[in-house]
Amino acid sequence: MFNLGFSELILLAVVGLLVLGPKQLPQVAKVLGKLAGEVKKAIADVSSEVERASESVKQEGEKIHKDINDGILAPNPNALKEPSKDDDGRA
């Protein structure tokens, strides 16, 4: 997630120990760990929801495309009929 190496983690632990003290550092680390897990889960949920919505839109687009092509390419049975004439002989 943050691409931290071992030396960076040690540096963060030392700075945290100096700033927070030995009593609060484990509590803060636990809270931050839980928060990171919840954020990761929320990101995964949003990502899967976007993927489902994208697939739904794709399927609808393909259906519309097929319907349009079927309408354009399908033979029109009325195309070869003679136009009907009115009583006065006009088309």
PDB file of N, CA and C in Angstrom:
ATOM      1  N   MET A   1       0.820  -1.191   0.000  1.00  0.00           N
ATOM      2  CA  MET A   1       0.000   0.000   0.000  1.00  0.00           C
ATOM      3  C   MET A   1       0.865   1.257   0.000  1.00  0.00           C
ATOM      4  N   PHE A   2       1.807   1.356   0.946  1.00  0.00           N
ATOM      5  CA  PHE A   2       2.679   2.527   1.007  1.00  0.00           C
ATOM      6  C   PHE A   2       4.092   2.202   0.556  1.00  0.00           C
ATOM      7  N   ASN A   3       4.387   0.923   0.289  1.00  0.00           N
ATOM      8  CA  ASN A   3       5.711   0.487  -0.153  1.00  0.00           C
ATOM      9  C   ASN A   3       6.808   0.932   0.819  1.00  0.00           C
ATOM     10  N   LEU A   4       6.612   0.662   2.101  1.00  0.00           N
ATOM     11  CA  LEU A   4       7.603   0.992   3.111  1.00  0.00           C
ATOM     12  C   LEU A   4       8.525  -0.203   3.325  1.00  0.00           C
ATOM     13  N   GLY A   5       9.805   0.073   3.359  1.00  0.00           N
ATOM     14  CA  GLY A   5      10.770  -0.976   3.640  1.00  0.00           C
ATOM     15  C   GLY A   5      10.968  -1.145   5.135  1.00  0.00           C
ATOM     16  N   PHE A   6      11.824  -2.102   5.484  1.00  0.00           N
ATOM     17  CA  PHE A   6      12.066  -2.393   6.903  1.00  0.00           C
ATOM     18  C   PHE A   6      12.678  -1.201   7.627  1.00  0.00           C
ATOM     19  N   SER A   7      13.628  -0.539   6.982  1.00  0.00           N
ATOM     20  CA  SER A   7      14.287   0.604   7.641  1.00  0.00           C
ATOM     21  C   SER A   7      13.311   1.756   7.870  1.00  0.00           C
ATOM     22  N   GLU A   8      12.383   1.971   6.922  1.00  0.00           N
ATOM     23  CA  GLU A   8      11.392   3.035   7.110  1.00  0.00           C
ATOM     24  C   GLU A   8      10.447   2.706   8.259  1.00  0.00           C
ATOM     25  N   LEU A   9      10.069   1.422   8.378  1.00  0.00           N
ATOM     26  CA  LEU A   9       9.198   1.013   9.481  1.00  0.00           C
ATOM     27  C   LEU A   9       9.880   1.202  10.837  1.00  0.00           C
ATOM     28  N   ILE A  10      11.167   0.863  10.923  1.00  0.00           N
ATOM     29  CA  ILE A  10      11.925   1.061  12.169  1.00  0.00           C
ATOM     30  C   ILE A  10      11.990   2.548  12.508  1.00  0.00           C
ATOM     31  N   LEU A  11      12.237   3.392  11.505  1.00  0.00           N
ATOM     32  CA  LEU A  11      12.293   4.838  11.728  1.00  0.00           C
ATOM     33  C   LEU A  11      10.949   5.359  12.233  1.00  0.00           C
ATOM     34  N   LEU A  12       9.856   4.895  11.630  1.00  0.00           N
ATOM     35  CA  LEU A  12       8.530   5.313  12.090  1.00  0.00           C
ATOM     36  C   LEU A  12       8.259   4.847  13.520  1.00  0.00           C
ATOM     37  N   ALA A  13       8.677   3.646  13.856  1.00  0.00           N
ATOM     38  CA  ALA A  13       8.485   3.127  15.209  1.00  0.00           C
ATOM     39  C   ALA A  13       9.262   3.955  16.226  1.00  0.00           C
ATOM     40  N   VAL A  14      10.490   4.322  15.901  1.00  0.00           N
ATOM     41  CA  VAL A  14      11.304   5.131  16.821  1.00  0.00           C
ATOM     42  C   VAL A  14      10.695   6.514  16.996  1.00  0.00           C
ATOM     43  N   VAL A  15      10.275   7.147  15.887  1.00  0.00           N
ATOM     44  CA  VAL A  15       9.659   8.476  15.983  1.00  0.00           C
ATOM     45  C   VAL A  15       8.356   8.384  16.781  1.00  0.00           C
ATOM     46  N   GLY A  16       7.563   7.351  16.516  1.00  0.00           N
ATOM     47  CA  GLY A  16       6.319   7.164  17.261  1.00  0.00           C
ATOM     48  C   GLY A  16       6.575   6.952  18.731  1.00  0.00           C
ATOM     49  N   LEU A  17       7.604   6.193  19.055  1.00  0.00           N
ATOM     50  CA  LEU A  17       7.953   5.952  20.454  1.00  0.00           C
ATOM     51  C   LEU A  17       8.371   7.244  21.135  1.00  0.00           C
ATOM     52  N   LEU A  18       9.135   8.081  20.448  1.00  0.00           N
ATOM     53  CA  LEU A  18       9.568   9.358  21.019  1.00  0.00           C
ATOM     54  C   LEU A  18       8.391  10.320  21.196  1.00  0.00           C
ATOM     55  N   VAL A  19       7.491  10.354  20.227  1.00  0.00           N
ATOM     56  CA  VAL A  19       6.378  11.313  20.272  1.00  0.00           C
ATOM     57  C   VAL A  19       5.275  10.844  21.225  1.00  0.00           C
ATOM     58  N   LEU A  20       4.890   9.580  21.136  1.00  0.00           N
ATOM     59  CA  LEU A  20       3.746   9.096  21.897  1.00  0.00           C
ATOM     60  C   LEU A  20       4.113   8.472  23.235  1.00  0.00           C
ATOM     61  N   GLY A  21       5.269   7.924  23.308  1.00  0.00           N
ATOM     62  CA  GLY A  21       5.666   7.242  24.539  1.00  0.00           C
ATOM     63  C   GLY A  21       5.350   5.758  24.452  1.00  0.00           C
ATOM     64  N   PRO A  22       5.950   4.980  25.348  1.00  0.00           N
ATOM     65  CA  PRO A  22       5.797   3.524  25.271  1.00  0.00           C
ATOM     66  C   PRO A  22       4.402   3.018  25.645  1.00  0.00           C
ATOM     67  N   LYS A  23       3.620   3.807  26.357  1.00  0.00           N
ATOM     68  CA  LYS A  23       2.288   3.355  26.744  1.00  0.00           C
ATOM     69  C   LYS A  23       1.260   3.546  25.619  1.00  0.00           C
ATOM     70  N   GLN A  24       1.342   4.670  24.929  1.00  0.00           N
ATOM     71  CA  GLN A  24       0.341   4.981  23.911  1.00  0.00           C
ATOM     72  C   GLN A  24       0.673   4.399  22.536  1.00  0.00           C
ATOM     73  N   LEU A  25       1.918   4.111  22.254  1.00  0.00           N
ATOM     74  CA  LEU A  25       2.311   3.633  20.919  1.00  0.00           C
ATOM     75  C   LEU A  25       1.575   2.345  20.527  1.00  0.00           C
ATOM     76  N   PRO A  26       1.491   1.319  21.373  1.00  0.00           N
ATOM     77  CA  PRO A  26       0.753   0.108  20.965  1.00  0.00           C
ATOM     78  C   PRO A  26      -0.735   0.367  20.718  1.00  0.00           C
ATOM     79  N   GLN A  27      -1.328   1.228  21.530  1.00  0.00           N
ATOM     80  CA  GLN A  27      -2.747   1.547  21.339  1.00  0.00           C
ATOM     81  C   GLN A  27      -2.969   2.265  20.010  1.00  0.00           C
ATOM     82  N   VAL A  28      -2.118   3.234  19.708  1.00  0.00           N
ATOM     83  CA  VAL A  28      -2.243   3.985  18.458  1.00  0.00           C
ATOM     84  C   VAL A  28      -1.982   3.064  17.265  1.00  0.00           C
ATOM     85  N   ALA A  29      -0.990   2.192  17.380  1.00  0.00           N
ATOM     86  CA  ALA A  29      -0.690   1.261  16.297  1.00  0.00           C
ATOM     87  C   ALA A  29      -1.875   0.327  16.049  1.00  0.00           C
ATOM     88  N   LYS A  30      -2.528  -0.125  17.112  1.00  0.00           N
ATOM     89  CA  LYS A  30      -3.687  -1.002  16.975  1.00  0.00           C
ATOM     90  C   LYS A  30      -4.831  -0.279  16.268  1.00  0.00           C
ATOM     91  N   VAL A  31      -5.096   0.959  16.664  1.00  0.00           N
ATOM     92  CA  VAL A  31      -6.165   1.743  16.039  1.00  0.00           C
ATOM     93  C   VAL A  31      -5.839   2.000  14.562  1.00  0.00           C
ATOM     94  N   LEU A  32      -4.597   2.354  14.278  1.00  0.00           N
ATOM     95  CA  LEU A  32      -4.208   2.600  12.885  1.00  0.00           C
ATOM     96  C   LEU A  32      -4.296   1.323  12.046  1.00  0.00           C
ATOM     97  N   GLY A  33      -3.953   0.195  12.617  1.00  0.00           N
ATOM     98  CA  GLY A  33      -4.077  -1.080  11.907  1.00  0.00           C
ATOM     99  C   GLY A  33      -5.522  -1.408  11.571  1.00  0.00           C
ATOM    100  N   LYS A  34      -6.424  -1.196  12.529  1.00  0.00           N
ATOM    101  CA  LYS A  34      -7.849  -1.427  12.282  1.00  0.00           C
ATOM    102  C   LYS A  34      -8.373  -0.472  11.213  1.00  0.00           C
ATOM    103  N   LEU A  35      -7.956   0.786  11.316  1.00  0.00           N
ATOM    104  CA  LEU A  35      -8.389   1.781  10.347  1.00  0.00           C
ATOM    105  C   LEU A  35      -7.906   1.406   8.941  1.00  0.00           C
ATOM    106  N   ALA A  36      -6.660   0.972   8.830  1.00  0.00           N
ATOM    107  CA  ALA A  36      -6.129   0.576   7.527  1.00  0.00           C
ATOM    108  C   ALA A  36      -6.906  -0.612   6.964  1.00  0.00           C
ATOM    109  N   GLY A  37      -7.266  -1.562   7.810  1.00  0.00           N
ATOM    110  CA  GLY A  37      -8.065  -2.705   7.367  1.00  0.00           C
ATOM    111  C   GLY A  37      -9.447  -2.296   6.884  1.00  0.00           C
ATOM    112  N   GLU A  38     -10.091  -1.386   7.598  1.00  0.00           N
ATOM    113  CA  GLU A  38     -11.419  -0.916   7.204  1.00  0.00           C
ATOM    114  C   GLU A  38     -11.363  -0.145   5.889  1.00  0.00           C
ATOM    115  N   VAL A  39     -10.328   0.674   5.734  1.00  0.00           N
ATOM    116  CA  VAL A  39     -10.170   1.429   4.481  1.00  0.00           C
ATOM    117  C   VAL A  39      -9.947   0.467   3.319  1.00  0.00           C
ATOM    118  N   LYS A  40      -9.119  -0.539   3.534  1.00  0.00           N
ATOM    119  CA  LYS A  40      -8.847  -1.521   2.480  1.00  0.00           C
ATOM    120  C   LYS A  40     -10.127  -2.259   2.093  1.00  0.00           C
ATOM    121  N   LYS A  41     -10.944  -2.635   3.079  1.00  0.00           N
ATOM    122  CA  LYS A  41     -12.207  -3.329   2.804  1.00  0.00           C
ATOM    123  C   LYS A  41     -13.174  -2.413   2.059  1.00  0.00           C
ATOM    124  N   ALA A  42     -13.245  -1.151   2.465  1.00  0.00           N
ATOM    125  CA  ALA A  42     -14.139  -0.205   1.794  1.00  0.00           C
ATOM    126  C   ALA A  42     -13.723  -0.001   0.343  1.00  0.00           C
ATOM    127  N   ILE A  43     -12.427   0.087   0.101  1.00  0.00           N
ATOM    128  CA  ILE A  43     -11.937   0.249  -1.266  1.00  0.00           C
ATOM    129  C   ILE A  43     -12.287  -0.978  -2.099  1.00  0.00           C
ATOM    130  N   ALA A  44     -12.149  -2.157  -1.537  1.00  0.00           N
ATOM    131  CA  ALA A  44     -12.500  -3.390  -2.251  1.00  0.00           C
ATOM    132  C   ALA A  44     -13.998  -3.438  -2.558  1.00  0.00           C
ATOM    133  N   ASP A  45     -14.832  -3.011  -1.611  1.00  0.00           N
ATOM    134  CA  ASP A  45     -16.281  -2.997  -1.827  1.00  0.00           C
ATOM    135  C   ASP A  45     -16.660  -2.033  -2.951  1.00  0.00           C
ATOM    136  N   VAL A  46     -16.088  -0.842  -2.919  1.00  0.00           N
ATOM    137  CA  VAL A  46     -16.382   0.147  -3.957  1.00  0.00           C
ATOM    138  C   VAL A  46     -15.899  -0.353  -5.314  1.00  0.00           C
ATOM    139  N   SER A  47     -14.727  -0.945  -5.328  1.00  0.00           N
ATOM    140  CA  SER A  47     -14.177  -1.461  -6.578  1.00  0.00           C
ATOM    141  C   SER A  47     -15.065  -2.550  -7.172  1.00  0.00           C
ATOM    142  N   SER A  48     -15.548  -3.467  -6.343  1.00  0.00           N
ATOM    143  CA  SER A  48     -16.414  -4.534  -6.857  1.00  0.00           C
ATOM    144  C   SER A  48     -17.758  -3.976  -7.316  1.00  0.00           C
ATOM    145  N   GLU A  49     -18.267  -2.977  -6.632  1.00  0.00           N
ATOM    146  CA  GLU A  49     -19.529  -2.356  -7.046  1.00  0.00           C
ATOM    147  C   GLU A  49     -19.372  -1.651  -8.391  1.00  0.00           C
ATOM    148  N   VAL A  50     -18.271  -0.958  -8.566  1.00  0.00           N
ATOM    149  CA  VAL A  50     -18.008  -0.293  -9.849  1.00  0.00           C
ATOM    150  C   VAL A  50     -17.865  -1.332 -10.961  1.00  0.00           C
ATOM    151  N   GLU A  51     -17.210  -2.432 -10.667  1.00  0.00           N
ATOM    152  CA  GLU A  51     -17.043  -3.501 -11.653  1.00  0.00           C
ATOM    153  C   GLU A  51     -18.401  -4.083 -12.056  1.00  0.00           C
ATOM    154  N   ARG A  52     -19.286  -4.322 -11.074  1.00  0.00           N
ATOM    155  CA  ARG A  52     -20.624  -4.848 -11.385  1.00  0.00           C
ATOM    156  C   ARG A  52     -21.414  -3.846 -12.230  1.00  0.00           C
ATOM    157  N   ALA A  53     -21.361  -2.577 -11.868  1.00  0.00           N
ATOM    158  CA  ALA A  53     -22.085  -1.556 -12.622  1.00  0.00           C
ATOM    159  C   ALA A  53     -21.539  -1.445 -14.039  1.00  0.00           C
ATOM    160  N   SER A  54     -20.234  -1.519 -14.175  1.00  0.00           N
ATOM    161  CA  SER A  54     -19.606  -1.449 -15.493  1.00  0.00           C
ATOM    162  C   SER A  54     -20.044  -2.622 -16.367  1.00  0.00           C
ATOM    163  N   GLU A  55     -20.097  -3.805 -15.790  1.00  0.00           N
ATOM    164  CA  GLU A  55     -20.520  -4.988 -16.546  1.00  0.00           C
ATOM    165  C   GLU A  55     -21.983  -4.853 -16.965  1.00  0.00           C
ATOM    166  N   SER A  56     -22.820  -4.322 -16.079  1.00  0.00           N
ATOM    167  CA  SER A  56     -24.230  -4.131 -16.397  1.00  0.00           C
ATOM    168  C   SER A  56     -24.397  -3.148 -17.550  1.00  0.00           C
ATOM    169  N   VAL A  57     -23.666  -2.047 -17.505  1.00  0.00           N
ATOM    170  CA  VAL A  57     -23.731  -1.050 -18.569  1.00  0.00           C
ATOM    171  C   VAL A  57     -23.224  -1.651 -19.883  1.00  0.00           C
ATOM    172  N   LYS A  58     -22.185  -2.439 -19.805  1.00  0.00           N
ATOM    173  CA  LYS A  58     -21.644  -3.081 -21.006  1.00  0.00           C
ATOM    174  C   LYS A  58     -22.671  -4.013 -21.626  1.00  0.00           C
ATOM    175  N   GLN A  59     -23.355  -4.809 -20.801  1.00  0.00           N
ATOM    176  CA  GLN A  59     -24.367  -5.729 -21.312  1.00  0.00           C
ATOM    177  C   GLN A  59     -25.534  -4.974 -21.940  1.00  0.00           C
ATOM    178  N   GLU A  60     -25.969  -3.892 -21.307  1.00  0.00           N
ATOM    179  CA  GLU A  60     -27.054  -3.087 -21.869  1.00  0.00           C
ATOM    180  C   GLU A  60     -26.642  -2.472 -23.203  1.00  0.00           C
ATOM    181  N   GLY A  61     -25.408  -1.987 -23.286  1.00  0.00           N
ATOM    182  CA  GLY A  61     -24.910  -1.412 -24.535  1.00  0.00           C
ATOM    183  C   GLY A  61     -24.861  -2.443 -25.645  1.00  0.00           C
ATOM    184  N   GLU A  62     -24.416  -3.653 -25.311  1.00  0.00           N
ATOM    185  CA  GLU A  62     -24.374  -4.716 -26.322  1.00  0.00           C
ATOM    186  C   GLU A  62     -25.782  -5.088 -26.777  1.00  0.00           C
ATOM    187  N   LYS A  63     -26.739  -5.098 -25.849  1.00  0.00           N
ATOM    188  CA  LYS A  63     -28.126  -5.411 -26.209  1.00  0.00           C
ATOM    189  C   LYS A  63     -28.688  -4.336 -27.131  1.00  0.00           C
ATOM    190  N   ILE A  64     -28.458  -3.080 -26.810  1.00  0.00           N
ATOM    191  CA  ILE A  64     -28.937  -1.981 -27.648  1.00  0.00           C
ATOM    192  C   ILE A  64     -28.288  -2.047 -29.021  1.00  0.00           C
ATOM    193  N   HIS A  65     -26.993  -2.319 -29.058  1.00  0.00           N
ATOM    194  CA  HIS A  65     -26.269  -2.428 -30.324  1.00  0.00           C
ATOM    195  C   HIS A  65     -26.858  -3.548 -31.174  1.00  0.00           C
ATOM    196  N   LYS A  66     -27.142  -4.676 -30.543  1.00  0.00           N
ATOM    197  CA  LYS A  66     -27.723  -5.816 -31.264  1.00  0.00           C
ATOM    198  C   LYS A  66     -29.109  -5.450 -31.782  1.00  0.00           C
ATOM    199  N   ASP A  67     -29.930  -4.807 -30.943  1.00  0.00           N
ATOM    200  CA  ASP A  67     -31.274  -4.414 -31.360  1.00  0.00           C
ATOM    201  C   ASP A  67     -31.234  -3.450 -32.541  1.00  0.00           C
ATOM    202  N   ILE A  68     -30.304  -2.522 -32.504  1.00  0.00           N
ATOM    203  CA  ILE A  68     -30.168  -1.568 -33.609  1.00  0.00           C
ATOM    204  C   ILE A  68     -29.745  -2.290 -34.874  1.00  0.00           C
ATOM    205  N   ASN A  69     -28.746  -3.154 -34.766  1.00  0.00           N
ATOM    206  CA  ASN A  69     -28.289  -3.893 -35.943  1.00  0.00           C
ATOM    207  C   ASN A  69     -29.373  -4.805 -36.493  1.00  0.00           C
ATOM    208  N   ASP A  70     -30.121  -5.448 -35.615  1.00  0.00           N
ATOM    209  CA  ASP A  70     -31.209  -6.306 -36.074  1.00  0.00           C
ATOM    210  C   ASP A  70     -32.262  -5.493 -36.817  1.00  0.00           C
ATOM    211  N   GLY A  71     -32.546  -4.300 -36.320  1.00  0.00           N
ATOM    212  CA  GLY A  71     -33.538  -3.445 -36.976  1.00  0.00           C
ATOM    213  C   GLY A  71     -33.064  -2.920 -38.311  1.00  0.00           C
ATOM    214  N   ILE A  72     -31.790  -2.617 -38.436  1.00  0.00           N
ATOM    215  CA  ILE A  72     -31.242  -2.079 -39.682  1.00  0.00           C
ATOM    216  C   ILE A  72     -31.038  -3.180 -40.707  1.00  0.00           C
ATOM    217  N   LEU A  73     -30.541  -4.319 -40.278  1.00  0.00           N
ATOM    218  CA  LEU A  73     -30.182  -5.378 -41.198  1.00  0.00           C
ATOM    219  C   LEU A  73     -31.328  -6.326 -41.508  1.00  0.00           C
ATOM    220  N   ALA A  74     -32.361  -6.339 -40.686  1.00  0.00           N
ATOM    221  CA  ALA A  74     -33.485  -7.236 -40.925  1.00  0.00           C
ATOM    222  C   ALA A  74     -34.283  -6.733 -42.126  1.00  0.00           C
ATOM    223  N   PRO A  75     -34.721  -7.650 -42.972  1.00  0.00           N
ATOM    224  CA  PRO A  75     -35.510  -7.208 -44.127  1.00  0.00           C
ATOM    225  C   PRO A  75     -36.844  -6.629 -43.676  1.00  0.00           C
ATOM    226  N   ASN A  76     -37.233  -5.579 -44.338  1.00  0.00           N
ATOM    227  CA  ASN A  76     -38.501  -4.922 -44.040  1.00  0.00           C
ATOM    228  C   ASN A  76     -39.554  -5.530 -44.961  1.00  0.00           C
ATOM    229  N   PRO A  77     -40.536  -6.234 -44.416  1.00  0.00           N
ATOM    230  CA  PRO A  77     -41.523  -6.886 -45.286  1.00  0.00           C
ATOM    231  C   PRO A  77     -42.375  -5.893 -46.065  1.00  0.00           C
ATOM    232  N   ASN A  78     -42.492  -4.671 -45.627  1.00  0.00           N
ATOM    233  CA  ASN A  78     -43.292  -3.666 -46.319  1.00  0.00           C
ATOM    234  C   ASN A  78     -42.507  -2.934 -47.395  1.00  0.00           C
ATOM    235  N   ALA A  79     -41.225  -3.174 -47.489  1.00  0.00           N
ATOM    236  CA  ALA A  79     -40.395  -2.427 -48.435  1.00  0.00           C
ATOM    237  C   ALA A  79     -40.726  -2.764 -49.882  1.00  0.00           C
ATOM    238  N   LEU A  80     -41.155  -3.995 -50.187  1.00  0.00           N
ATOM    239  CA  LEU A  80     -41.400  -4.402 -51.562  1.00  0.00           C
ATOM    240  C   LEU A  80     -42.863  -4.252 -51.982  1.00  0.00           C
ATOM    241  N   LYS A  81     -43.738  -3.880 -51.081  1.00  0.00           N
ATOM    242  CA  LYS A  81     -45.155  -3.721 -51.403  1.00  0.00           C
ATOM    243  C   LYS A  81     -45.369  -2.436 -52.193  1.00  0.00           C
ATOM    244  N   GLU A  82     -46.350  -2.500 -53.043  1.00  0.00           N
ATOM    245  CA  GLU A  82     -46.760  -1.312 -53.778  1.00  0.00           C
ATOM    246  C   GLU A  82     -47.453  -0.362 -52.816  1.00  0.00           C
ATOM    247  N   PRO A  83     -47.212   0.921 -52.942  1.00  0.00           N
ATOM    248  CA  PRO A  83     -47.932   1.866 -52.078  1.00  0.00           C
ATOM    249  C   PRO A  83     -49.436   1.806 -52.383  1.00  0.00           C
ATOM    250  N   SER A  84     -50.215   1.873 -51.331  1.00  0.00           N
ATOM    251  CA  SER A  84     -51.670   1.851 -51.525  1.00  0.00           C
ATOM    252  C   SER A  84     -52.124   3.203 -52.036  1.00  0.00           C
ATOM    253  N   LYS A  85     -53.145   3.169 -52.881  1.00  0.00           N
ATOM    254  CA  LYS A  85     -53.630   4.406 -53.461  1.00  0.00           C
ATOM    255  C   LYS A  85     -54.930   4.815 -52.761  1.00  0.00           C
ATOM    256  N   ASP A  86     -55.100   6.128 -52.631  1.00  0.00           N
ATOM    257  CA  ASP A  86     -56.329   6.647 -52.048  1.00  0.00           C
ATOM    258  C   ASP A  86     -57.464   6.502 -53.082  1.00  0.00           C
ATOM    259  N   ASP A  87     -58.604   6.888 -52.659  1.00  0.00           N
ATOM    260  CA  ASP A  87     -59.759   6.817 -53.562  1.00  0.00           C
ATOM    261  C   ASP A  87     -59.592   7.693 -54.799  1.00  0.00           C
ATOM    262  N   ASP A  88     -58.838   8.790 -54.665  1.00  0.00           N
ATOM    263  CA  ASP A  88     -58.667   9.682 -55.803  1.00  0.00           C
ATOM    264  C   ASP A  88     -57.453   9.326 -56.652  1.00  0.00           C
ATOM    265  N   GLY A  89     -56.748   8.209 -56.334  1.00  0.00           N
ATOM    266  CA  GLY A  89     -55.662   7.723 -57.192  1.00  0.00           C
ATOM    267  C   GLY A  89     -54.298   8.201 -56.798  1.00  0.00           C
ATOM    268  N   ARG A  90     -54.192   8.938 -55.725  1.00  0.00           N
ATOM    269  CA  ARG A  90     -52.876   9.392 -55.266  1.00  0.00           C
ATOM    270  C   ARG A  90     -52.278   8.371 -54.320  1.00  0.00           C
ATOM    271  N   ALA A  91     -50.946   8.365 -54.309  1.00  0.00           N
ATOM    272  CA  ALA A  91     -50.234   7.438 -53.446  1.00  0.00           C
ATOM    273  C   ALA A  91     -50.196   7.930 -52.033  1.00  0.00           C
TER     274      ALA A  91
END
